[in-house]
Amino acid sequence: MKVVRSGHVAAQVVEDEGAKGTTVRWLIGRPDGAPNFAMRVFEVEPGGSTPLHQHAWEHEVYILEGTAEVVTEEGPAAVSPGDAVLVLPEERHQFRNTGDSTAKFLCMVPLPPED
């Protein structure tokens, strides 16, 4: 077992094209012994966003703080603390902070198979 305090994990700036004011902390992943899933926490500053993108894996997201919207091809959906979001494989998506304070959310993704 491993217990980690999120504030003790270094925040990394999300530098993907289209990202603005967003950091990620990899709380649990393969280096910690997790065989199947990674747990990350994202922080998005007011007016910031993750990149609009898609990929072959799902996301399970839980909103911790702030107000935001999840943008998909179907349009935006407002989210706030206590909301859970499933982003399906190959679904274009983006998280945008729509509030006046930092939006924070947990994001779990499957790890790729080890070679």
PDB file of N, CA and C in Angstrom:
ATOM      1  N   MET A   1       0.836  -1.180   0.000  1.00  0.00           N
ATOM      2  CA  MET A   1       0.000   0.000   0.000  1.00  0.00           C
ATOM      3  C   MET A   1       0.881   1.242   0.000  1.00  0.00           C
ATOM      4  N   LYS A   2       0.343   2.306  -0.586  1.00  0.00           N
ATOM      5  CA  LYS A   2       1.046   3.587  -0.594  1.00  0.00           C
ATOM      6  C   LYS A   2       0.043   4.680  -0.259  1.00  0.00           C
ATOM      7  N   VAL A   3       0.446   5.594   0.603  1.00  0.00           N
ATOM      8  CA  VAL A   3      -0.356   6.779   0.919  1.00  0.00           C
ATOM      9  C   VAL A   3       0.473   7.987   0.525  1.00  0.00           C
ATOM     10  N   VAL A   4      -0.124   8.885  -0.222  1.00  0.00           N
ATOM     11  CA  VAL A   4       0.589  10.080  -0.674  1.00  0.00           C
ATOM     12  C   VAL A   4      -0.310  11.295  -0.477  1.00  0.00           C
ATOM     13  N   ARG A   5       0.254  12.370  -0.009  1.00  0.00           N
ATOM     14  CA  ARG A   5      -0.476  13.635   0.111  1.00  0.00           C
ATOM     15  C   ARG A   5      -0.260  14.407  -1.181  1.00  0.00           C
ATOM     16  N   SER A   6      -1.349  14.838  -1.801  1.00  0.00           N
ATOM     17  CA  SER A   6      -1.251  15.458  -3.130  1.00  0.00           C
ATOM     18  C   SER A   6      -0.320  16.666  -3.136  1.00  0.00           C
ATOM     19  N   GLY A   7      -0.300  17.439  -2.048  1.00  0.00           N
ATOM     20  CA  GLY A   7       0.563  18.606  -1.989  1.00  0.00           C
ATOM     21  C   GLY A   7       2.042  18.286  -1.956  1.00  0.00           C
ATOM     22  N   HIS A   8       2.375  17.011  -1.700  1.00  0.00           N
ATOM     23  CA  HIS A   8       3.774  16.585  -1.678  1.00  0.00           C
ATOM     24  C   HIS A   8       4.251  16.082  -3.044  1.00  0.00           C
ATOM     25  N   VAL A   9       3.347  16.026  -4.006  1.00  0.00           N
ATOM     26  CA  VAL A   9       3.687  15.585  -5.358  1.00  0.00           C
ATOM     27  C   VAL A   9       3.883  16.834  -6.220  1.00  0.00           C
ATOM     28  N   ALA A  10       4.973  16.893  -6.938  1.00  0.00           N
ATOM     29  CA  ALA A  10       5.280  18.067  -7.758  1.00  0.00           C
ATOM     30  C   ALA A  10       4.218  18.283  -8.838  1.00  0.00           C
ATOM     31  N   ALA A  11       3.787  19.531  -8.977  1.00  0.00           N
ATOM     32  CA  ALA A  11       2.865  19.899 -10.050  1.00  0.00           C
ATOM     33  C   ALA A  11       3.670  20.135 -11.320  1.00  0.00           C
ATOM     34  N   GLN A  12       3.193  19.578 -12.411  1.00  0.00           N
ATOM     35  CA  GLN A  12       3.831  19.761 -13.719  1.00  0.00           C
ATOM     36  C   GLN A  12       2.905  20.591 -14.598  1.00  0.00           C
ATOM     37  N   VAL A  13       3.455  21.578 -15.259  1.00  0.00           N
ATOM     38  CA  VAL A  13       2.660  22.394 -16.180  1.00  0.00           C
ATOM     39  C   VAL A  13       2.248  21.536 -17.369  1.00  0.00           C
ATOM     40  N   VAL A  14       0.978  21.578 -17.724  1.00  0.00           N
ATOM     41  CA  VAL A  14       0.503  20.885 -18.917  1.00  0.00           C
ATOM     42  C   VAL A  14       0.882  21.763 -20.107  1.00  0.00           C
ATOM     43  N   GLU A  15       1.786  21.259 -20.932  1.00  0.00           N
ATOM     44  CA  GLU A  15       2.331  22.051 -22.040  1.00  0.00           C
ATOM     45  C   GLU A  15       1.775  21.650 -23.399  1.00  0.00           C
ATOM     46  N   ASP A  16       0.803  20.751 -23.424  1.00  0.00           N
ATOM     47  CA  ASP A  16       0.205  20.349 -24.694  1.00  0.00           C
ATOM     48  C   ASP A  16      -0.416  21.559 -25.381  1.00  0.00           C
ATOM     49  N   GLU A  17      -0.386  21.560 -26.708  1.00  0.00           N
ATOM     50  CA  GLU A  17      -0.953  22.664 -27.477  1.00  0.00           C
ATOM     51  C   GLU A  17      -2.416  22.864 -27.102  1.00  0.00           C
ATOM     52  N   GLY A  18      -2.789  24.090 -26.801  1.00  0.00           N
ATOM     53  CA  GLY A  18      -4.166  24.404 -26.427  1.00  0.00           C
ATOM     54  C   GLY A  18      -4.408  24.451 -24.933  1.00  0.00           C
ATOM     55  N   ALA A  19      -3.459  23.959 -24.127  1.00  0.00           N
ATOM     56  CA  ALA A  19      -3.603  24.021 -22.671  1.00  0.00           C
ATOM     57  C   ALA A  19      -3.244  25.423 -22.200  1.00  0.00           C
ATOM     58  N   LYS A  20      -3.950  25.874 -21.175  1.00  0.00           N
ATOM     59  CA  LYS A  20      -3.688  27.197 -20.621  1.00  0.00           C
ATOM     60  C   LYS A  20      -3.952  27.155 -19.124  1.00  0.00           C
ATOM     61  N   GLY A  21      -2.954  27.553 -18.322  1.00  0.00           N
ATOM     62  CA  GLY A  21      -3.141  27.679 -16.880  1.00  0.00           C
ATOM     63  C   GLY A  21      -3.481  26.374 -16.183  1.00  0.00           C
ATOM     64  N   THR A  22      -2.902  25.264 -16.647  1.00  0.00           N
ATOM     65  CA  THR A  22      -3.246  23.938 -16.121  1.00  0.00           C
ATOM     66  C   THR A  22      -1.999  23.207 -15.648  1.00  0.00           C
ATOM     67  N   THR A  23      -2.116  22.593 -14.465  1.00  0.00           N
ATOM     68  CA  THR A  23      -1.059  21.718 -13.953  1.00  0.00           C
ATOM     69  C   THR A  23      -1.647  20.354 -13.634  1.00  0.00           C
ATOM     70  N   VAL A  24      -0.753  19.359 -13.577  1.00  0.00           N
ATOM     71  CA  VAL A  24      -1.142  17.994 -13.229  1.00  0.00           C
ATOM     72  C   VAL A  24      -0.154  17.442 -12.216  1.00  0.00           C
ATOM     73  N   ARG A  25      -0.678  16.696 -11.263  1.00  0.00           N
ATOM     74  CA  ARG A  25       0.135  15.948 -10.298  1.00  0.00           C
ATOM     75  C   ARG A  25      -0.201  14.470 -10.484  1.00  0.00           C
ATOM     76  N   TRP A  26       0.799  13.662 -10.787  1.00  0.00           N
ATOM     77  CA  TRP A  26       0.610  12.217 -10.944  1.00  0.00           C
ATOM     78  C   TRP A  26       0.685  11.607  -9.545  1.00  0.00           C
ATOM     79  N   LEU A  27      -0.473  11.379  -8.926  1.00  0.00           N
ATOM     80  CA  LEU A  27      -0.524  10.899  -7.550  1.00  0.00           C
ATOM     81  C   LEU A  27      -0.117   9.435  -7.433  1.00  0.00           C
ATOM     82  N   ILE A  28      -0.627   8.616  -8.328  1.00  0.00           N
ATOM     83  CA  ILE A  28      -0.346   7.179  -8.313  1.00  0.00           C
ATOM     84  C   ILE A  28      -0.200   6.717  -9.751  1.00  0.00           C
ATOM     85  N   GLY A  29       0.838   5.927 -10.002  1.00  0.00           N
ATOM     86  CA  GLY A  29       1.061   5.394 -11.340  1.00  0.00           C
ATOM     87  C   GLY A  29       1.961   4.185 -11.284  1.00  0.00           C
ATOM     88  N   ARG A  30       2.438   3.797 -12.423  1.00  0.00           N
ATOM     89  CA  ARG A  30       3.289   2.615 -12.508  1.00  0.00           C
ATOM     90  C   ARG A  30       4.531   2.710 -11.619  1.00  0.00           C
ATOM     91  N   PRO A  31       5.215   3.866 -11.512  1.00  0.00           N
ATOM     92  CA  PRO A  31       6.384   3.942 -10.627  1.00  0.00           C
ATOM     93  C   PRO A  31       6.058   3.639  -9.160  1.00  0.00           C
ATOM     94  N   ASP A  32       4.775   3.756  -8.812  1.00  0.00           N
ATOM     95  CA  ASP A  32       4.339   3.472  -7.438  1.00  0.00           C
ATOM     96  C   ASP A  32       3.895   2.026  -7.265  1.00  0.00           C
ATOM     97  N   GLY A  33       3.936   1.257  -8.339  1.00  0.00           N
ATOM     98  CA  GLY A  33       3.520  -0.138  -8.283  1.00  0.00           C
ATOM     99  C   GLY A  33       2.107  -0.385  -8.782  1.00  0.00           C
ATOM    100  N   ALA A  34       1.419   0.645  -9.256  1.00  0.00           N
ATOM    101  CA  ALA A  34       0.062   0.461  -9.774  1.00  0.00           C
ATOM    102  C   ALA A  34       0.133  -0.283 -11.111  1.00  0.00           C
ATOM    103  N   PRO A  35      -0.524  -1.430 -11.228  1.00  0.00           N
ATOM    104  CA  PRO A  35      -0.412  -2.208 -12.461  1.00  0.00           C
ATOM    105  C   PRO A  35      -1.391  -1.801 -13.558  1.00  0.00           C
ATOM    106  N   ASN A  36      -2.512  -1.152 -13.199  1.00  0.00           N
ATOM    107  CA  ASN A  36      -3.567  -0.956 -14.197  1.00  0.00           C
ATOM    108  C   ASN A  36      -4.020   0.482 -14.416  1.00  0.00           C
ATOM    109  N   PHE A  37      -3.997   1.312 -13.380  1.00  0.00           N
ATOM    110  CA  PHE A  37      -4.563   2.655 -13.484  1.00  0.00           C
ATOM    111  C   PHE A  37      -3.625   3.694 -12.889  1.00  0.00           C
ATOM    112  N   ALA A  38      -3.754   4.920 -13.396  1.00  0.00           N
ATOM    113  CA  ALA A  38      -3.061   6.074 -12.831  1.00  0.00           C
ATOM    114  C   ALA A  38      -4.105   7.024 -12.275  1.00  0.00           C
ATOM    115  N   MET A  39      -3.758   7.659 -11.157  1.00  0.00           N
ATOM    116  CA  MET A  39      -4.604   8.694 -10.566  1.00  0.00           C
ATOM    117  C   MET A  39      -3.846  10.009 -10.631  1.00  0.00           C
ATOM    118  N   ARG A  40      -4.511  11.016 -11.210  1.00  0.00           N
ATOM    119  CA  ARG A  40      -3.892  12.320 -11.353  1.00  0.00           C
ATOM    120  C   ARG A  40      -4.838  13.378 -10.789  1.00  0.00           C
ATOM    121  N   VAL A  41      -4.289  14.501 -10.371  1.00  0.00           N
ATOM    122  CA  VAL A  41      -5.125  15.636  -9.983  1.00  0.00           C
ATOM    123  C   VAL A  41      -4.714  16.819 -10.857  1.00  0.00           C
ATOM    124  N   PHE A  42      -5.696  17.408 -11.501  1.00  0.00           N
ATOM    125  CA  PHE A  42      -5.485  18.574 -12.345  1.00  0.00           C
ATOM    126  C   PHE A  42      -5.959  19.817 -11.616  1.00  0.00           C
ATOM    127  N   GLU A  43      -5.250  20.916 -11.821  1.00  0.00           N
ATOM    128  CA  GLU A  43      -5.656  22.210 -11.311  1.00  0.00           C
ATOM    129  C   GLU A  43      -5.666  23.177 -12.491  1.00  0.00           C
ATOM    130  N   VAL A  44      -6.815  23.830 -12.690  1.00  0.00           N
ATOM    131  CA  VAL A  44      -6.997  24.735 -13.821  1.00  0.00           C
ATOM    132  C   VAL A  44      -7.326  26.120 -13.267  1.00  0.00           C
ATOM    133  N   GLU A  45      -6.490  27.072 -13.579  1.00  0.00           N
ATOM    134  CA  GLU A  45      -6.669  28.439 -13.094  1.00  0.00           C
ATOM    135  C   GLU A  45      -7.881  29.095 -13.767  1.00  0.00           C
ATOM    136  N   PRO A  46      -8.457  30.134 -13.153  1.00  0.00           N
ATOM    137  CA  PRO A  46      -9.568  30.842 -13.791  1.00  0.00           C
ATOM    138  C   PRO A  46      -9.197  31.256 -15.221  1.00  0.00           C
ATOM    139  N   GLY A  47     -10.091  30.966 -16.155  1.00  0.00           N
ATOM    140  CA  GLY A  47      -9.843  31.260 -17.561  1.00  0.00           C
ATOM    141  C   GLY A  47      -8.983  30.234 -18.261  1.00  0.00           C
ATOM    142  N   GLY A  48      -8.482  29.253 -17.535  1.00  0.00           N
ATOM    143  CA  GLY A  48      -7.614  28.229 -18.110  1.00  0.00           C
ATOM    144  C   GLY A  48      -8.402  27.044 -18.647  1.00  0.00           C
ATOM    145  N   SER A  49      -7.660  26.154 -19.324  1.00  0.00           N
ATOM    146  CA  SER A  49      -8.298  24.963 -19.891  1.00  0.00           C
ATOM    147  C   SER A  49      -7.262  23.888 -20.172  1.00  0.00           C
ATOM    148  N   THR A  50      -7.744  22.670 -20.241  1.00  0.00           N
ATOM    149  CA  THR A  50      -6.939  21.578 -20.778  1.00  0.00           C
ATOM    150  C   THR A  50      -7.036  21.678 -22.305  1.00  0.00           C
ATOM    151  N   PRO A  51      -6.177  20.991 -23.040  1.00  0.00           N
ATOM    152  CA  PRO A  51      -6.301  21.050 -24.502  1.00  0.00           C
ATOM    153  C   PRO A  51      -7.552  20.308 -24.966  1.00  0.00           C
ATOM    154  N   LEU A  52      -8.098  20.736 -26.087  1.00  0.00           N
ATOM    155  CA  LEU A  52      -9.174  19.992 -26.739  1.00  0.00           C
ATOM    156  C   LEU A  52      -8.502  18.848 -27.481  1.00  0.00           C
ATOM    157  N   HIS A  53      -8.801  17.612 -27.061  1.00  0.00           N
ATOM    158  CA  HIS A  53      -8.082  16.470 -27.628  1.00  0.00           C
ATOM    159  C   HIS A  53      -8.916  15.198 -27.509  1.00  0.00           C
ATOM    160  N   GLN A  54      -8.395  14.121 -28.071  1.00  0.00           N
ATOM    161  CA  GLN A  54      -9.021  12.798 -27.960  1.00  0.00           C
ATOM    162  C   GLN A  54      -7.927  11.751 -28.007  1.00  0.00           C
ATOM    163  N   HIS A  55      -8.262  10.565 -27.502  1.00  0.00           N
ATOM    164  CA  HIS A  55      -7.313   9.461 -27.478  1.00  0.00           C
ATOM    165  C   HIS A  55      -8.068   8.161 -27.290  1.00  0.00           C
ATOM    166  N   ALA A  56      -7.355   7.058 -27.310  1.00  0.00           N
ATOM    167  CA  ALA A  56      -7.970   5.731 -27.351  1.00  0.00           C
ATOM    168  C   ALA A  56      -8.424   5.207 -25.988  1.00  0.00           C
ATOM    169  N   TRP A  57      -8.217   5.958 -24.916  1.00  0.00           N
ATOM    170  CA  TRP A  57      -8.587   5.446 -23.598  1.00  0.00           C
ATOM    171  C   TRP A  57      -9.630   6.348 -22.946  1.00  0.00           C
ATOM    172  N   GLU A  58     -10.295   5.780 -21.962  1.00  0.00           N
ATOM    173  CA  GLU A  58     -11.312   6.498 -21.198  1.00  0.00           C
ATOM    174  C   GLU A  58     -10.672   7.306 -20.070  1.00  0.00           C
ATOM    175  N   HIS A  59     -11.456   8.241 -19.541  1.00  0.00           N
ATOM    176  CA  HIS A  59     -11.112   8.964 -18.306  1.00  0.00           C
ATOM    177  C   HIS A  59     -12.284   8.803 -17.354  1.00  0.00           C
ATOM    178  N   GLU A  60     -11.995   8.655 -16.078  1.00  0.00           N
ATOM    179  CA  GLU A  60     -12.996   8.825 -15.039  1.00  0.00           C
ATOM    180  C   GLU A  60     -12.551  10.036 -14.239  1.00  0.00           C
ATOM    181  N   VAL A  61     -13.421  11.026 -14.129  1.00  0.00           N
ATOM    182  CA  VAL A  61     -13.073  12.314 -13.529  1.00  0.00           C
ATOM    183  C   VAL A  61     -14.028  12.599 -12.381  1.00  0.00           C
ATOM    184  N   TYR A  62     -13.485  13.170 -11.298  1.00  0.00           N
ATOM    185  CA  TYR A  62     -14.300  13.587 -10.156  1.00  0.00           C
ATOM    186  C   TYR A  62     -13.921  15.021  -9.818  1.00  0.00           C
ATOM    187  N   ILE A  63     -14.900  15.911  -9.830  1.00  0.00           N
ATOM    188  CA  ILE A  63     -14.655  17.338  -9.594  1.00  0.00           C
ATOM    189  C   ILE A  63     -14.543  17.584  -8.084  1.00  0.00           C
ATOM    190  N   LEU A  64     -13.418  18.177  -7.678  1.00  0.00           N
ATOM    191  CA  LEU A  64     -13.148  18.445  -6.264  1.00  0.00           C
ATOM    192  C   LEU A  64     -13.470  19.877  -5.855  1.00  0.00           C
ATOM    193  N   GLU A  65     -13.067  20.841  -6.679  1.00  0.00           N
ATOM    194  CA  GLU A  65     -13.206  22.255  -6.332  1.00  0.00           C
ATOM    195  C   GLU A  65     -13.485  23.068  -7.589  1.00  0.00           C
ATOM    196  N   GLY A  66     -14.150  24.206  -7.395  1.00  0.00           N
ATOM    197  CA  GLY A  66     -14.342  25.158  -8.478  1.00  0.00           C
ATOM    198  C   GLY A  66     -15.493  24.807  -9.399  1.00  0.00           C
ATOM    199  N   THR A  67     -15.673  25.650 -10.388  1.00  0.00           N
ATOM    200  CA  THR A  67     -16.700  25.414 -11.404  1.00  0.00           C
ATOM    201  C   THR A  67     -16.027  25.370 -12.764  1.00  0.00           C
ATOM    202  N   ALA A  68     -16.541  24.502 -13.601  1.00  0.00           N
ATOM    203  CA  ALA A  68     -15.922  24.298 -14.908  1.00  0.00           C
ATOM    204  C   ALA A  68     -16.985  23.809 -15.881  1.00  0.00           C
ATOM    205  N   GLU A  69     -16.559  23.649 -17.113  1.00  0.00           N
ATOM    206  CA  GLU A  69     -17.398  22.981 -18.096  1.00  0.00           C
ATOM    207  C   GLU A  69     -16.542  21.970 -18.838  1.00  0.00           C
ATOM    208  N   VAL A  70     -17.185  20.868 -19.195  1.00  0.00           N
ATOM    209  CA  VAL A  70     -16.551  19.860 -20.026  1.00  0.00           C
ATOM    210  C   VAL A  70     -17.092  20.079 -21.432  1.00  0.00           C
ATOM    211  N   VAL A  71     -16.201  20.311 -22.367  1.00  0.00           N
ATOM    212  CA  VAL A  71     -16.597  20.587 -23.741  1.00  0.00           C
ATOM    213  C   VAL A  71     -16.394  19.320 -24.563  1.00  0.00           C
ATOM    214  N   THR A  72     -17.439  18.903 -25.269  1.00  0.00           N
ATOM    215  CA  THR A  72     -17.361  17.786 -26.212  1.00  0.00           C
ATOM    216  C   THR A  72     -17.989  18.247 -27.519  1.00  0.00           C
ATOM    217  N   GLU A  73     -18.031  17.373 -28.483  1.00  0.00           N
ATOM    218  CA  GLU A  73     -18.664  17.720 -29.751  1.00  0.00           C
ATOM    219  C   GLU A  73     -20.155  17.968 -29.587  1.00  0.00           C
ATOM    220  N   GLU A  74     -20.734  17.502 -28.487  1.00  0.00           N
ATOM    221  CA  GLU A  74     -22.150  17.740 -28.203  1.00  0.00           C
ATOM    222  C   GLU A  74     -22.383  19.084 -27.535  1.00  0.00           C
ATOM    223  N   GLY A  75     -21.296  19.796 -27.205  1.00  0.00           N
ATOM    224  CA  GLY A  75     -21.411  21.084 -26.546  1.00  0.00           C
ATOM    225  C   GLY A  75     -20.891  21.020 -25.129  1.00  0.00           C
ATOM    226  N   PRO A  76     -20.946  22.139 -24.400  1.00  0.00           N
ATOM    227  CA  PRO A  76     -20.425  22.174 -23.035  1.00  0.00           C
ATOM    228  C   PRO A  76     -21.430  21.642 -22.021  1.00  0.00           C
ATOM    229  N   ALA A  77     -20.898  21.067 -20.945  1.00  0.00           N
ATOM    230  CA  ALA A  77     -21.714  20.629 -19.812  1.00  0.00           C
ATOM    231  C   ALA A  77     -21.079  21.192 -18.546  1.00  0.00           C
ATOM    232  N   ALA A  78     -21.859  21.910 -17.750  1.00  0.00           N
ATOM    233  CA  ALA A  78     -21.359  22.504 -16.512  1.00  0.00           C
ATOM    234  C   ALA A  78     -21.104  21.413 -15.479  1.00  0.00           C
ATOM    235  N   VAL A  79     -19.980  21.551 -14.750  1.00  0.00           N
ATOM    236  CA  VAL A  79     -19.650  20.624 -13.667  1.00  0.00           C
ATOM    237  C   VAL A  79     -19.197  21.416 -12.447  1.00  0.00           C
ATOM    238  N   SER A  80     -19.419  20.819 -11.271  1.00  0.00           N
ATOM    239  CA  SER A  80     -19.034  21.454 -10.017  1.00  0.00           C
ATOM    240  C   SER A  80     -18.701  20.361  -9.011  1.00  0.00           C
ATOM    241  N   PRO A  81     -18.193  20.724  -7.832  1.00  0.00           N
ATOM    242  CA  PRO A  81     -17.762  19.712  -6.858  1.00  0.00           C
ATOM    243  C   PRO A  81     -18.837  18.658  -6.587  1.00  0.00           C
ATOM    244  N   GLY A  82     -18.392  17.417  -6.587  1.00  0.00           N
ATOM    245  CA  GLY A  82     -19.279  16.285  -6.382  1.00  0.00           C
ATOM    246  C   GLY A  82     -19.729  15.620  -7.663  1.00  0.00           C
ATOM    247  N   ASP A  83     -19.474  16.242  -8.813  1.00  0.00           N
ATOM    248  CA  ASP A  83     -19.856  15.646 -10.096  1.00  0.00           C
ATOM    249  C   ASP A  83     -18.792  14.651 -10.557  1.00  0.00           C
ATOM    250  N   ALA A  84     -19.255  13.574 -11.172  1.00  0.00           N
ATOM    251  CA  ALA A  84     -18.374  12.577 -11.790  1.00  0.00           C
ATOM    252  C   ALA A  84     -18.619  12.610 -13.294  1.00  0.00           C
ATOM    253  N   VAL A  85     -17.544  12.434 -14.063  1.00  0.00           N
ATOM    254  CA  VAL A  85     -17.609  12.526 -15.520  1.00  0.00           C
ATOM    255  C   VAL A  85     -16.929  11.303 -16.121  1.00  0.00           C
ATOM    256  N   LEU A  86     -17.575  10.687 -17.097  1.00  0.00           N
ATOM    257  CA  LEU A  86     -16.956   9.625 -17.877  1.00  0.00           C
ATOM    258  C   LEU A  86     -16.687  10.172 -19.270  1.00  0.00           C
ATOM    259  N   VAL A  87     -15.412  10.208 -19.666  1.00  0.00           N
ATOM    260  CA  VAL A  87     -15.022  10.572 -21.017  1.00  0.00           C
ATOM    261  C   VAL A  87     -14.681   9.263 -21.726  1.00  0.00           C
ATOM    262  N   LEU A  88     -15.426   8.958 -22.777  1.00  0.00           N
ATOM    263  CA  LEU A  88     -15.257   7.687 -23.483  1.00  0.00           C
ATOM    264  C   LEU A  88     -14.043   7.708 -24.410  1.00  0.00           C
ATOM    265  N   PRO A  89     -13.520   6.536 -24.774  1.00  0.00           N
ATOM    266  CA  PRO A  89     -12.421   6.486 -25.736  1.00  0.00           C
ATOM    267  C   PRO A  89     -12.799   7.200 -27.037  1.00  0.00           C
ATOM    268  N   GLU A  90     -11.855   7.947 -27.586  1.00  0.00           N
ATOM    269  CA  GLU A  90     -11.981   8.681 -28.847  1.00  0.00           C
ATOM    270  C   GLU A  90     -12.971   9.843 -28.789  1.00  0.00           C
ATOM    271  N   GLU A  91     -13.466  10.199 -27.610  1.00  0.00           N
ATOM    272  CA  GLU A  91     -14.354  11.350 -27.478  1.00  0.00           C
ATOM    273  C   GLU A  91     -13.516  12.627 -27.317  1.00  0.00           C
ATOM    274  N   ARG A  92     -13.686  13.587 -28.243  1.00  0.00           N
ATOM    275  CA  ARG A  92     -12.981  14.872 -28.110  1.00  0.00           C
ATOM    276  C   ARG A  92     -13.507  15.566 -26.858  1.00  0.00           C
ATOM    277  N   HIS A  93     -12.580  16.108 -26.059  1.00  0.00           N
ATOM    278  CA  HIS A  93     -12.987  16.708 -24.801  1.00  0.00           C
ATOM    279  C   HIS A  93     -11.988  17.764 -24.339  1.00  0.00           C
ATOM    280  N   GLN A  94     -12.490  18.641 -23.491  1.00  0.00           N
ATOM    281  CA  GLN A  94     -11.683  19.701 -22.906  1.00  0.00           C
ATOM    282  C   GLN A  94     -12.369  20.133 -21.612  1.00  0.00           C
ATOM    283  N   PHE A  95     -11.576  20.451 -20.597  1.00  0.00           N
ATOM    284  CA  PHE A  95     -12.091  21.001 -19.352  1.00  0.00           C
ATOM    285  C   PHE A  95     -11.710  22.476 -19.305  1.00  0.00           C
ATOM    286  N   ARG A  96     -12.706  23.354 -19.089  1.00  0.00           N
ATOM    287  CA  ARG A  96     -12.475  24.799 -19.018  1.00  0.00           C
ATOM    288  C   ARG A  96     -12.943  25.313 -17.664  1.00  0.00           C
ATOM    289  N   ASN A  97     -12.115  26.108 -17.019  1.00  0.00           N
ATOM    290  CA  ASN A  97     -12.507  26.735 -15.764  1.00  0.00           C
ATOM    291  C   ASN A  97     -13.407  27.924 -16.091  1.00  0.00           C
ATOM    292  N   THR A  98     -14.627  27.909 -15.568  1.00  0.00           N
ATOM    293  CA  THR A  98     -15.583  28.989 -15.810  1.00  0.00           C
ATOM    294  C   THR A  98     -15.783  29.856 -14.577  1.00  0.00           C
ATOM    295  N   GLY A  99     -15.043  29.587 -13.503  1.00  0.00           N
ATOM    296  CA  GLY A  99     -15.236  30.314 -12.257  1.00  0.00           C
ATOM    297  C   GLY A  99     -14.132  31.304 -11.959  1.00  0.00           C
ATOM    298  N   ASP A 100     -14.168  31.814 -10.737  1.00  0.00           N
ATOM    299  CA  ASP A 100     -13.212  32.818 -10.282  1.00  0.00           C
ATOM    300  C   ASP A 100     -12.120  32.232  -9.398  1.00  0.00           C
ATOM    301  N   SER A 101     -12.152  30.923  -9.181  1.00  0.00           N
ATOM    302  CA  SER A 101     -11.128  30.264  -8.367  1.00  0.00           C
ATOM    303  C   SER A 101     -10.627  29.032  -9.112  1.00  0.00           C
ATOM    304  N   THR A 102      -9.557  28.457  -8.617  1.00  0.00           N
ATOM    305  CA  THR A 102      -8.972  27.284  -9.263  1.00  0.00           C
ATOM    306  C   THR A 102      -9.964  26.123  -9.271  1.00  0.00           C
ATOM    307  N   ALA A 103     -10.097  25.477 -10.409  1.00  0.00           N
ATOM    308  CA  ALA A 103     -10.880  24.244 -10.523  1.00  0.00           C
ATOM    309  C   ALA A 103      -9.919  23.079 -10.345  1.00  0.00           C
ATOM    310  N   LYS A 104     -10.331  22.105  -9.550  1.00  0.00           N
ATOM    311  CA  LYS A 104      -9.474  20.956  -9.269  1.00  0.00           C
ATOM    312  C   LYS A 104     -10.291  19.687  -9.473  1.00  0.00           C
ATOM    313  N   PHE A 105      -9.685  18.709 -10.166  1.00  0.00           N
ATOM    314  CA  PHE A 105     -10.393  17.444 -10.363  1.00  0.00           C
ATOM    315  C   PHE A 105      -9.423  16.274 -10.399  1.00  0.00           C
ATOM    316  N   LEU A 106      -9.918  15.142  -9.905  1.00  0.00           N
ATOM    317  CA  LEU A 106      -9.197  13.873 -10.025  1.00  0.00           C
ATOM    318  C   LEU A 106      -9.490  13.288 -11.395  1.00  0.00           C
ATOM    319  N   CYS A 107      -8.491  12.660 -11.991  1.00  0.00           N
ATOM    320  CA  CYS A 107      -8.665  12.027 -13.284  1.00  0.00           C
ATOM    321  C   CYS A 107      -7.939  10.686 -13.261  1.00  0.00           C
ATOM    322  N   MET A 108      -8.681   9.610 -13.462  1.00  0.00           N
ATOM    323  CA  MET A 108      -8.116   8.273 -13.500  1.00  0.00           C
ATOM    324  C   MET A 108      -8.104   7.770 -14.935  1.00  0.00           C
ATOM    325  N   VAL A 109      -6.976   7.194 -15.324  1.00  0.00           N
ATOM    326  CA  VAL A 109      -6.834   6.660 -16.676  1.00  0.00           C
ATOM    327  C   VAL A 109      -6.157   5.283 -16.595  1.00  0.00           C
ATOM    328  N   PRO A 110      -6.493   4.409 -17.555  1.00  0.00           N
ATOM    329  CA  PRO A 110      -5.801   3.125 -17.591  1.00  0.00           C
ATOM    330  C   PRO A 110      -4.354   3.304 -18.035  1.00  0.00           C
ATOM    331  N   LEU A 111      -3.495   2.507 -17.488  1.00  0.00           N
ATOM    332  CA  LEU A 111      -2.079   2.514 -17.897  1.00  0.00           C
ATOM    333  C   LEU A 111      -1.907   1.615 -19.124  1.00  0.00           C
ATOM    334  N   PRO A 112      -1.037   1.984 -20.042  1.00  0.00           N
ATOM    335  CA  PRO A 112      -0.789   1.098 -21.181  1.00  0.00           C
ATOM    336  C   PRO A 112      -0.106  -0.177 -20.709  1.00  0.00           C
ATOM    337  N   PRO A 113      -0.306  -1.272 -21.430  1.00  0.00           N
ATOM    338  CA  PRO A 113       0.376  -2.518 -21.047  1.00  0.00           C
ATOM    339  C   PRO A 113       1.885  -2.336 -21.053  1.00  0.00           C
ATOM    340  N   GLU A 114       2.545  -3.005 -20.130  1.00  0.00           N
ATOM    341  CA  GLU A 114       4.005  -2.976 -20.119  1.00  0.00           C
ATOM    342  C   GLU A 114       4.522  -3.841 -21.253  1.00  0.00           C
ATOM    343  N   ASP A 115       5.621  -3.414 -21.838  1.00  0.00           N
ATOM    344  CA  ASP A 115       6.218  -4.195 -22.937  1.00  0.00           C
ATOM    345  C   ASP A 115       6.874  -5.457 -22.424  1.00  0.00           C
TER     346      ASP A 115
END
